[in-house]
Amino acid sequence: MGYQTASAKPNAVILSYPVITSGDCAHRGSFTALLGADASEEELEYMSLEKQVTEDMPPCFLWQTAIDELVPVQNSFLFAQALQEKKIPYAFHVFSKGKHGLSLADEAWANEEVKQWPELADEWIRTTL
């Protein structure tokens, strides 16, 4: 019919304050919203994305603040470790201060050190892809 097929696989992934693990460092509210309060151990294990990294994973850019009060920074550390083990290209930035949600680029964001993350991501994209 004249249509070309295209892959649904992204060329790269940018994750801000990612809720990745369903383990000890999970943001429980996110998993309850996603899977319901009665989620099985198997469902939670499957949704723990640091355990789903394969050699086919696209390059990833992660950033978070060390003092995030909602999503523990360990989520990002676990994912970065899994990427490293599978030799997936990635960049991982942990900013020393800043509350959760500063990726919204509002007035509070403009006064924080994390305002540099878009420039870091742009540079990473240009040099990685």
C-alpha atoms as a PDB file:
ATOM      1  CA  MET A   1       0.000   0.000   0.000  1.00  0.00           C
ATOM      2  CA  GLY A   2       3.013   2.264  -0.167  1.00  0.00           C
ATOM      3  CA  TYR A   3       3.633   2.383   3.591  1.00  0.00           C
ATOM      4  CA  GLN A   4       7.074   1.755   4.936  1.00  0.00           C
ATOM      5  CA  THR A   5       7.505  -0.189   8.117  1.00  0.00           C
ATOM      6  CA  ALA A   6       9.383   1.404  10.974  1.00  0.00           C
ATOM      7  CA  SER A   7      10.775   0.119  14.210  1.00  0.00           C
ATOM      8  CA  ALA A   8       9.030   1.091  17.427  1.00  0.00           C
ATOM      9  CA  LYS A   9      12.347   0.824  19.257  1.00  0.00           C
ATOM     10  CA  PRO A  10      13.570   4.247  20.382  1.00  0.00           C
ATOM     11  CA  ASN A  11      17.010   5.416  19.301  1.00  0.00           C
ATOM     12  CA  ALA A  12      17.743   6.558  22.860  1.00  0.00           C
ATOM     13  CA  VAL A  13      16.054   6.965  26.229  1.00  0.00           C
ATOM     14  CA  ILE A  14      16.178   9.984  28.549  1.00  0.00           C
ATOM     15  CA  LEU A  15      15.018   9.271  32.100  1.00  0.00           C
ATOM     16  CA  SER A  16      14.432  11.933  34.763  1.00  0.00           C
ATOM     17  CA  TYR A  17      13.816  10.777  38.332  1.00  0.00           C
ATOM     18  CA  PRO A  18      13.018   7.318  36.977  1.00  0.00           C
ATOM     19  CA  VAL A  19      10.851   4.902  38.916  1.00  0.00           C
ATOM     20  CA  ILE A  20      12.664   1.769  37.824  1.00  0.00           C
ATOM     21  CA  THR A  21      12.910  -0.746  40.620  1.00  0.00           C
ATOM     22  CA  SER A  22      10.069  -2.508  42.378  1.00  0.00           C
ATOM     23  CA  GLY A  23      12.479  -3.824  45.023  1.00  0.00           C
ATOM     24  CA  ASP A  24      13.538  -2.375  48.368  1.00  0.00           C
ATOM     25  CA  CYS A  25      14.076   1.143  46.973  1.00  0.00           C
ATOM     26  CA  ALA A  26      10.798   1.316  45.076  1.00  0.00           C
ATOM     27  CA  HIS A  27       8.423   4.246  44.946  1.00  0.00           C
ATOM     28  CA  ARG A  28       5.537   2.063  46.131  1.00  0.00           C
ATOM     29  CA  GLY A  29       2.800   4.464  45.068  1.00  0.00           C
ATOM     30  CA  SER A  30       3.849   4.219  41.426  1.00  0.00           C
ATOM     31  CA  PHE A  31       3.713   0.431  41.424  1.00  0.00           C
ATOM     32  CA  THR A  32       0.354   0.402  43.177  1.00  0.00           C
ATOM     33  CA  ALA A  33      -0.985   2.811  40.539  1.00  0.00           C
ATOM     34  CA  LEU A  34       0.493   0.693  37.751  1.00  0.00           C
ATOM     35  CA  LEU A  35      -0.315  -2.826  38.931  1.00  0.00           C
ATOM     36  CA  GLY A  36      -2.845  -2.391  41.722  1.00  0.00           C
ATOM     37  CA  ALA A  37      -2.502  -3.113  45.416  1.00  0.00           C
ATOM     38  CA  ASP A  38      -2.613  -6.897  44.889  1.00  0.00           C
ATOM     39  CA  ALA A  39       0.331  -7.162  42.484  1.00  0.00           C
ATOM     40  CA  SER A  40       2.039 -10.526  42.577  1.00  0.00           C
ATOM     41  CA  GLU A  41       5.745 -10.967  43.218  1.00  0.00           C
ATOM     42  CA  GLU A  42       6.106 -12.097  39.592  1.00  0.00           C
ATOM     43  CA  GLU A  43       4.461  -8.920  38.290  1.00  0.00           C
ATOM     44  CA  LEU A  44       6.625  -6.731  40.498  1.00  0.00           C
ATOM     45  CA  GLU A  45       9.759  -8.607  39.442  1.00  0.00           C
ATOM     46  CA  TYR A  46       8.854  -8.162  35.769  1.00  0.00           C
ATOM     47  CA  MET A  47       8.308  -4.427  36.215  1.00  0.00           C
ATOM     48  CA  SER A  48      11.647  -3.960  37.974  1.00  0.00           C
ATOM     49  CA  LEU A  49      13.316  -2.567  34.872  1.00  0.00           C
ATOM     50  CA  GLU A  50      16.907  -2.898  36.020  1.00  0.00           C
ATOM     51  CA  LYS A  51      16.265  -6.644  35.710  1.00  0.00           C
ATOM     52  CA  GLN A  52      14.996  -6.298  32.131  1.00  0.00           C
ATOM     53  CA  VAL A  53      18.069  -4.700  30.543  1.00  0.00           C
ATOM     54  CA  THR A  54      19.310  -6.684  27.541  1.00  0.00           C
ATOM     55  CA  GLU A  55      21.978  -6.151  24.898  1.00  0.00           C
ATOM     56  CA  ASP A  56      19.245  -4.664  22.667  1.00  0.00           C
ATOM     57  CA  MET A  57      18.540  -1.771  25.027  1.00  0.00           C
ATOM     58  CA  PRO A  58      19.010   1.650  23.398  1.00  0.00           C
ATOM     59  CA  PRO A  59      21.519   4.100  24.896  1.00  0.00           C
ATOM     60  CA  CYS A  60      20.225   5.824  28.035  1.00  0.00           C
ATOM     61  CA  PHE A  61      20.649   9.199  29.687  1.00  0.00           C
ATOM     62  CA  LEU A  62      19.635   9.239  33.361  1.00  0.00           C
ATOM     63  CA  TRP A  63      19.555  12.092  35.815  1.00  0.00           C
ATOM     64  CA  GLN A  64      18.243  12.585  39.308  1.00  0.00           C
ATOM     65  CA  THR A  65      18.969  14.477  42.505  1.00  0.00           C
ATOM     66  CA  ALA A  66      20.658  12.780  45.439  1.00  0.00           C
ATOM     67  CA  ILE A  67      18.106  14.132  47.908  1.00  0.00           C
ATOM     68  CA  ASP A  68      14.953  13.263  45.950  1.00  0.00           C
ATOM     69  CA  GLU A  69      12.361  12.722  48.672  1.00  0.00           C
ATOM     70  CA  LEU A  70       9.941  10.765  46.455  1.00  0.00           C
ATOM     71  CA  VAL A  71      11.976   8.464  44.210  1.00  0.00           C
ATOM     72  CA  PRO A  72      15.113   7.114  45.894  1.00  0.00           C
ATOM     73  CA  VAL A  73      18.246   7.769  43.852  1.00  0.00           C
ATOM     74  CA  GLN A  74      19.028   4.052  44.171  1.00  0.00           C
ATOM     75  CA  ASN A  75      16.527   3.506  41.332  1.00  0.00           C
ATOM     76  CA  SER A  76      18.916   5.230  38.954  1.00  0.00           C
ATOM     77  CA  PHE A  77      22.014   3.578  40.431  1.00  0.00           C
ATOM     78  CA  LEU A  78      20.510   0.101  39.943  1.00  0.00           C
ATOM     79  CA  PHE A  79      19.578   0.855  36.343  1.00  0.00           C
ATOM     80  CA  ALA A  80      22.981   2.374  35.546  1.00  0.00           C
ATOM     81  CA  GLN A  81      24.648  -0.722  36.996  1.00  0.00           C
ATOM     82  CA  ALA A  82      22.509  -2.988  34.792  1.00  0.00           C
ATOM     83  CA  LEU A  83      23.380  -0.872  31.730  1.00  0.00           C
ATOM     84  CA  GLN A  84      27.072  -1.096  32.600  1.00  0.00           C
ATOM     85  CA  GLU A  85      26.883  -4.879  32.954  1.00  0.00           C
ATOM     86  CA  LYS A  86      25.285  -5.207  29.499  1.00  0.00           C
ATOM     87  CA  LYS A  87      27.704  -2.668  27.981  1.00  0.00           C
ATOM     88  CA  ILE A  88      24.886  -0.324  26.949  1.00  0.00           C
ATOM     89  CA  PRO A  89      26.086   3.270  26.356  1.00  0.00           C
ATOM     90  CA  TYR A  90      24.744   5.584  29.033  1.00  0.00           C
ATOM     91  CA  ALA A  91      25.276   8.834  30.892  1.00  0.00           C
ATOM     92  CA  PHE A  92      24.276   9.149  34.528  1.00  0.00           C
ATOM     93  CA  HIS A  93      24.115  12.470  36.367  1.00  0.00           C
ATOM     94  CA  VAL A  94      23.298  12.836  40.052  1.00  0.00           C
ATOM     95  CA  PHE A  95      22.886  16.413  41.205  1.00  0.00           C
ATOM     96  CA  SER A  96      23.607  17.085  44.874  1.00  0.00           C
ATOM     97  CA  LYS A  97      20.483  19.121  45.554  1.00  0.00           C
ATOM     98  CA  GLY A  98      17.027  19.701  44.190  1.00  0.00           C
ATOM     99  CA  LYS A  99      13.581  18.380  44.938  1.00  0.00           C
ATOM    100  CA  HIS A 100      11.632  15.899  42.855  1.00  0.00           C
ATOM    101  CA  GLY A 101       9.973  17.349  39.779  1.00  0.00           C
ATOM    102  CA  LEU A 102      12.550  19.947  38.790  1.00  0.00           C
ATOM    103  CA  SER A 103      12.441  18.609  35.245  1.00  0.00           C
ATOM    104  CA  LEU A 104       9.275  20.671  34.800  1.00  0.00           C
ATOM    105  CA  ALA A 105      11.408  23.743  34.034  1.00  0.00           C
ATOM    106  CA  ASP A 106       9.337  26.111  36.148  1.00  0.00           C
ATOM    107  CA  GLU A 107      10.604  29.078  38.209  1.00  0.00           C
ATOM    108  CA  ALA A 108      11.969  26.832  40.998  1.00  0.00           C
ATOM    109  CA  TRP A 109      13.914  24.856  38.406  1.00  0.00           C
ATOM    110  CA  ALA A 110      15.587  27.996  37.080  1.00  0.00           C
ATOM    111  CA  ASN A 111      17.230  28.523  40.475  1.00  0.00           C
ATOM    112  CA  GLU A 112      18.652  25.021  40.838  1.00  0.00           C
ATOM    113  CA  GLU A 113      21.841  23.351  39.630  1.00  0.00           C
ATOM    114  CA  VAL A 114      19.790  20.785  37.697  1.00  0.00           C
ATOM    115  CA  LYS A 115      18.931  23.392  35.063  1.00  0.00           C
ATOM    116  CA  GLN A 116      21.989  22.172  33.193  1.00  0.00           C
ATOM    117  CA  TRP A 117      20.530  18.708  32.496  1.00  0.00           C
ATOM    118  CA  PRO A 118      18.952  19.637  29.115  1.00  0.00           C
ATOM    119  CA  GLU A 119      22.332  20.867  27.865  1.00  0.00           C
ATOM    120  CA  LEU A 120      24.019  17.717  29.154  1.00  0.00           C
ATOM    121  CA  ALA A 121      21.383  15.563  27.443  1.00  0.00           C
ATOM    122  CA  ASP A 122      21.747  17.486  24.194  1.00  0.00           C
ATOM    123  CA  GLU A 123      25.506  17.033  24.192  1.00  0.00           C
ATOM    124  CA  TRP A 124      25.112  13.341  25.025  1.00  0.00           C
ATOM    125  CA  ILE A 125      22.667  12.840  22.137  1.00  0.00           C
ATOM    126  CA  ARG A 126      24.968  14.596  19.672  1.00  0.00           C
ATOM    127  CA  THR A 127      28.011  12.569  20.718  1.00  0.00           C
ATOM    128  CA  THR A 128      26.357   9.184  21.341  1.00  0.00           C
ATOM    129  CA  LEU A 129      23.891   8.661  18.516  1.00  0.00           C
END
